[in-house]
């Protein structure tokens, strides 16, 4: 990527970031913040109003998710968009292998360029929908952020979750309602009771909510997993309601 003058675009690194990222990886996190605030905005991956609050709203809260990722795990991040949380996890956790799943070319181009510039050799970028990997790949953890309500997310994620793995999704304050709305889907997929985790208390300006969903009986899970749910389009990034924008 071409260098930019980032002095006015990128906010300074807050103390919370120094606590959320390992000290040896903070420089990478800072460079990623610069790329989001410049190339990310220019390419329409991050809104201009998000640039001043990249650390608190995006980077730090995504880094908090790392505490729910076991050591040396394989991770799939579906609907990666600009790399949140997938690239953040790759920066914070060099021990894990991460596959960024994203269908849009302009996004996968950015993800590939960032991974190469930051020398994140443990990152793989897959251009396609999550269901393109159903029956062929499984992961210890399947992550996502702002992709879909839990009932739909189960259909995209659980076929990718290994028998002893889990879906680990970043969620908002409506997560309790989402869990209740997904009861039928949770039972049909054979999931254990979802766990809601509050991350970042005493560290970040605001806490992060994450839901973890594992299999109820890992011994009864086998692949290729039968996916008998109604066909739904797999996600890119969640958008507001209204007219659909053309994909490029």
Protein backbone atom coordinates (compact mmCIF):
# COMPACT_ATOMS: atom_id res chain seq x y z
CA UNK A 1 0.00 0.00 0.00
CA UNK A 2 1.09 3.56 -0.69
CA UNK A 3 2.22 5.51 2.41
CA UNK A 4 -0.07 8.23 3.75
CA UNK A 5 0.28 11.17 6.09
CA UNK A 6 -1.72 9.68 8.96
CA UNK A 7 -1.08 12.40 11.53
CA UNK A 8 -4.62 13.75 11.31
CA UNK A 9 -6.53 10.61 10.29
CA UNK A 10 -5.46 8.17 13.00
CA UNK A 11 -6.18 8.75 16.70
CA UNK A 12 -3.35 8.26 19.15
CA UNK A 13 -2.95 4.89 20.82
CA UNK A 14 -4.94 4.78 24.07
CA UNK A 15 -3.79 3.10 27.26
CA UNK A 16 -6.51 0.46 26.82
CA UNK A 17 -4.83 -0.68 23.60
CA UNK A 18 -1.52 -1.08 25.40
CA UNK A 19 -3.28 -3.41 27.82
CA UNK A 20 -5.36 -5.27 25.22
CA UNK A 21 -2.50 -6.11 22.84
CA UNK A 22 0.77 -7.83 23.77
CA UNK A 23 3.55 -5.23 23.85
CA UNK A 24 5.43 -7.03 21.09
CA UNK A 25 2.37 -6.76 18.81
CA UNK A 26 1.29 -3.19 19.53
CA UNK A 27 3.25 -1.73 16.61
CA UNK A 28 1.31 -4.01 14.24
CA UNK A 29 -1.97 -2.92 15.79
CA UNK A 30 -0.98 0.73 15.33
CA UNK A 31 -0.12 0.17 11.66
CA UNK A 32 -3.43 -1.61 11.12
CA UNK A 33 -5.22 1.36 12.70
CA UNK A 34 -3.43 3.64 10.23
CA UNK A 35 -4.48 1.47 7.29
CA UNK A 36 -8.10 1.43 8.43
CA UNK A 37 -8.16 5.19 8.91
CA UNK A 38 -6.66 5.84 5.47
CA UNK A 39 -7.07 3.05 2.92
CA UNK A 40 -10.05 1.63 4.79
CA UNK A 41 -11.92 4.92 4.57
CA UNK A 42 -10.87 5.62 0.97
CA UNK A 43 -12.12 2.19 -0.13
CA UNK A 44 -15.40 2.51 1.74
CA UNK A 45 -14.63 -0.23 4.26
CA UNK A 46 -14.77 2.09 7.26
CA UNK A 47 -16.98 5.16 7.55
CA UNK A 48 -15.14 8.52 7.88
CA UNK A 49 -16.82 9.13 11.24
CA UNK A 50 -15.38 5.87 12.56
CA UNK A 51 -11.75 6.89 12.06
CA UNK A 52 -11.45 9.01 15.25
CA UNK A 53 -12.86 6.18 17.36
CA UNK A 54 -11.16 3.21 15.74
CA UNK A 55 -9.39 2.12 18.91
CA UNK A 56 -12.27 2.15 21.37
CA UNK A 57 -15.11 1.02 19.09
CA UNK A 58 -13.23 -1.45 16.93
CA UNK A 59 -9.67 -2.49 17.70
CA UNK A 60 -9.72 -2.76 21.49
CA UNK A 61 -13.11 -4.45 21.71
CA UNK A 62 -12.14 -6.97 19.02
CA UNK A 63 -8.86 -7.68 20.82
CA UNK A 64 -10.83 -8.53 23.96
CA UNK A 65 -12.33 -11.49 22.11
CA UNK A 66 -8.91 -13.13 22.16
CA UNK A 67 -9.45 -14.33 25.72
CA UNK A 68 -12.16 -16.71 24.45
CA UNK A 69 -9.82 -18.26 21.84
CA UNK A 70 -7.91 -21.34 23.07
CA UNK A 71 -4.16 -21.67 22.43
CA UNK A 72 -3.05 -22.77 18.94
CA UNK A 73 -6.64 -22.77 17.68
CA UNK A 74 -7.86 -22.69 14.10
CA UNK A 75 -10.28 -19.81 13.62
CA UNK A 76 -12.70 -18.87 10.85
CA UNK A 77 -13.95 -15.28 10.85
CA UNK A 78 -17.06 -15.09 8.69
CA UNK A 79 -18.10 -11.85 7.04
CA UNK A 80 -14.68 -10.37 7.83
CA UNK A 81 -15.28 -7.03 6.10
CA UNK A 82 -12.28 -4.84 6.93
CA UNK A 83 -10.86 -7.51 9.25
CA UNK A 84 -12.90 -7.03 12.41
CA UNK A 85 -12.40 -9.13 14.45
CA UNK A 86 -10.32 -11.51 12.32
CA UNK A 87 -7.26 -9.36 11.61
CA UNK A 88 -7.29 -7.96 15.13
CA UNK A 89 -7.21 -11.49 16.52
CA UNK A 90 -4.37 -12.36 14.15
CA UNK A 91 -2.39 -9.40 15.47
CA UNK A 92 -3.13 -10.13 19.12
CA UNK A 93 -2.70 -13.91 18.85
CA UNK A 94 0.16 -15.08 16.61
CA UNK A 95 -0.36 -18.62 17.89
CA UNK A 96 -3.70 -19.09 16.12
CA UNK A 97 -4.34 -19.81 12.43
CA UNK A 98 -7.08 -17.60 11.05
CA UNK A 99 -9.16 -17.91 7.89
CA UNK A 100 -10.93 -14.69 6.90
CA UNK A 101 -14.13 -15.55 5.03
CA UNK A 102 -15.45 -12.68 2.92
CA UNK A 103 -17.32 -12.72 -0.43
CA UNK A 104 -16.60 -9.20 -1.73
CA UNK A 105 -13.50 -8.66 -3.87
CA UNK A 106 -12.69 -5.13 -2.69
CA UNK A 107 -12.71 -6.38 0.89
CA UNK A 108 -10.63 -9.51 0.27
CA UNK A 109 -8.12 -7.38 -1.66
CA UNK A 110 -7.73 -5.11 1.37
CA UNK A 111 -7.50 -8.07 3.77
CA UNK A 112 -4.80 -9.72 1.65
CA UNK A 113 -2.79 -6.50 1.37
CA UNK A 114 -2.92 -5.88 5.12
CA UNK A 115 -1.97 -9.47 5.96
CA UNK A 116 1.01 -9.24 3.61
CA UNK A 117 2.16 -5.82 4.84
CA UNK A 118 1.96 -6.87 8.50
CA UNK A 119 3.56 -10.25 7.69
CA UNK A 120 0.65 -12.16 9.20
CA UNK A 121 1.68 -15.50 7.73
CA UNK A 122 -0.85 -17.33 9.89
CA UNK A 123 -3.74 -15.62 8.05
CA UNK A 124 -5.58 -17.09 5.06
CA UNK A 125 -8.08 -15.02 3.06
CA UNK A 126 -10.95 -16.98 1.50
CA UNK A 127 -13.14 -15.14 -0.97
CA UNK A 128 -16.58 -16.68 -0.77
CA UNK A 129 -19.58 -17.25 1.43
CA UNK A 130 -19.37 -19.27 4.62
CA UNK A 131 -21.53 -22.04 3.19
CA UNK A 132 -18.93 -22.63 0.45
CA UNK A 133 -16.79 -24.22 3.18
CA UNK A 134 -19.58 -26.37 4.65
CA UNK A 135 -18.63 -30.04 4.52
CA UNK A 136 -15.00 -29.34 3.61
CA UNK A 137 -13.47 -27.39 6.52
CA UNK A 138 -13.93 -27.23 10.28
CA UNK A 139 -12.39 -24.93 12.88
CA UNK A 140 -11.90 -24.79 16.63
CA UNK A 141 -13.57 -21.38 16.72
CA UNK A 142 -15.90 -19.59 14.29
CA UNK A 143 -16.08 -15.85 14.95
CA UNK A 144 -18.15 -12.98 13.57
CA UNK A 145 -19.09 -9.39 14.33
CA UNK A 146 -22.28 -7.55 13.34
CA UNK A 147 -23.16 -10.20 10.76
CA UNK A 148 -26.63 -11.52 11.62
CA UNK A 149 -28.98 -12.44 14.49
CA UNK A 150 -28.05 -15.64 16.30
CA UNK A 151 -30.73 -17.81 14.67
CA UNK A 152 -29.31 -17.13 11.20
CA UNK A 153 -25.72 -17.11 12.39
CA UNK A 154 -26.07 -20.70 13.63
CA UNK A 155 -26.84 -21.93 10.12
CA UNK A 156 -23.75 -20.29 8.69
CA UNK A 157 -21.38 -21.06 11.56
CA UNK A 158 -22.18 -24.42 13.17
CA UNK A 159 -21.36 -26.51 10.06
CA UNK A 160 -17.84 -25.07 10.38
CA UNK A 161 -17.45 -25.76 14.12
CA UNK A 162 -15.33 -28.80 15.03
CA UNK A 163 -16.80 -31.30 17.55
CA UNK A 164 -14.95 -29.73 20.48
CA UNK A 165 -15.09 -26.20 19.05
CA UNK A 166 -17.50 -23.31 19.39
CA UNK A 167 -19.14 -20.36 17.71
CA UNK A 168 -17.83 -17.19 19.40
CA UNK A 169 -19.63 -14.09 18.14
CA UNK A 170 -19.43 -10.46 19.19
CA UNK A 171 -22.92 -9.20 20.03
CA UNK A 172 -24.80 -6.17 21.30
CA UNK A 173 -27.16 -5.60 24.18
CA UNK A 174 -29.95 -7.57 22.47
CA UNK A 175 -28.09 -10.88 22.83
CA UNK A 176 -30.49 -12.24 25.48
CA UNK A 177 -33.42 -11.65 23.14
CA UNK A 178 -31.49 -13.21 20.26
CA UNK A 179 -30.86 -16.35 22.30
CA UNK A 180 -34.55 -16.69 23.12
CA UNK A 181 -35.50 -16.16 19.48
CA UNK A 182 -33.02 -18.86 18.45
CA UNK A 183 -34.27 -21.59 20.81
CA UNK A 184 -35.70 -23.74 18.03
CA UNK A 185 -32.53 -23.42 15.94
CA UNK A 186 -30.29 -24.15 18.92
CA UNK A 187 -32.18 -27.36 19.61
CA UNK A 188 -32.27 -28.42 15.97
CA UNK A 189 -28.53 -27.95 15.57
CA UNK A 190 -27.83 -29.83 18.82
CA UNK A 191 -26.18 -26.89 20.57
CA UNK A 192 -25.42 -26.52 24.25
CA UNK A 193 -26.85 -23.61 26.21
CA UNK A 194 -25.23 -20.38 24.92
CA UNK A 195 -22.80 -18.61 27.26
CA UNK A 196 -22.77 -14.82 27.34
CA UNK A 197 -19.41 -13.27 28.25
CA UNK A 198 -18.79 -9.67 29.30
CA UNK A 199 -15.27 -8.72 28.23
CA UNK A 200 -13.12 -5.73 29.09
CA UNK A 201 -14.46 -4.76 32.49
CA UNK A 202 -11.98 -2.38 34.08
CA UNK A 203 -9.90 -2.24 30.89
CA UNK A 204 -11.83 -0.52 28.10
CA UNK A 205 -14.18 2.48 28.04
CA UNK A 206 -17.06 0.13 27.28
CA UNK A 207 -17.36 -3.60 27.72
CA UNK A 208 -17.76 -6.10 24.89
CA UNK A 209 -20.46 -8.77 24.81
CA UNK A 210 -19.76 -12.11 23.20
CA UNK A 211 -21.81 -15.27 22.93
CA UNK A 212 -20.21 -18.70 22.88
CA UNK A 213 -22.15 -21.68 21.50
CA UNK A 214 -20.70 -25.19 21.60
CA UNK A 215 -22.13 -28.59 20.71
CA UNK A 216 -24.28 -30.25 23.37
CA UNK A 217 -22.76 -33.67 22.66
CA UNK A 218 -19.49 -33.49 20.69
CA UNK A 219 -19.39 -37.28 20.33
CA UNK A 220 -22.48 -37.21 18.11
CA UNK A 221 -21.16 -34.62 15.67
CA UNK A 222 -19.73 -35.95 12.41
CA UNK A 223 -18.88 -34.52 9.00
CA UNK A 224 -19.94 -33.73 6.42
CA UNK A 225 -22.59 -32.21 8.67
CA UNK A 226 -26.11 -32.48 7.31
CA UNK A 227 -27.34 -28.96 6.66
CA UNK A 228 -31.11 -29.20 6.35
CA UNK A 229 -31.87 -25.58 7.17
CA UNK A 230 -33.60 -23.44 4.56
CA UNK A 231 -31.03 -21.97 2.20
CA UNK A 232 -30.00 -18.49 3.29
CA UNK A 233 -27.46 -16.20 1.75
CA UNK A 234 -24.22 -16.27 3.66
CA UNK A 235 -23.02 -12.93 4.95
CA UNK A 236 -20.68 -10.24 3.91
CA UNK A 237 -21.26 -7.47 6.43
CA UNK A 238 -24.61 -6.58 7.94
CA UNK A 239 -26.21 -3.50 6.38
CA UNK A 240 -29.03 -1.21 7.43
CA UNK A 241 -32.44 -1.92 5.96
CA UNK A 242 -33.32 -0.18 2.72
CA UNK A 243 -32.11 -0.47 -0.84
CA UNK A 244 -29.36 -3.02 -1.41
CA UNK A 245 -26.08 -1.64 -2.65
CA UNK A 246 -24.49 -3.20 -5.68
CA UNK A 247 -21.68 -5.60 -4.83
CA UNK A 248 -18.34 -4.86 -6.40
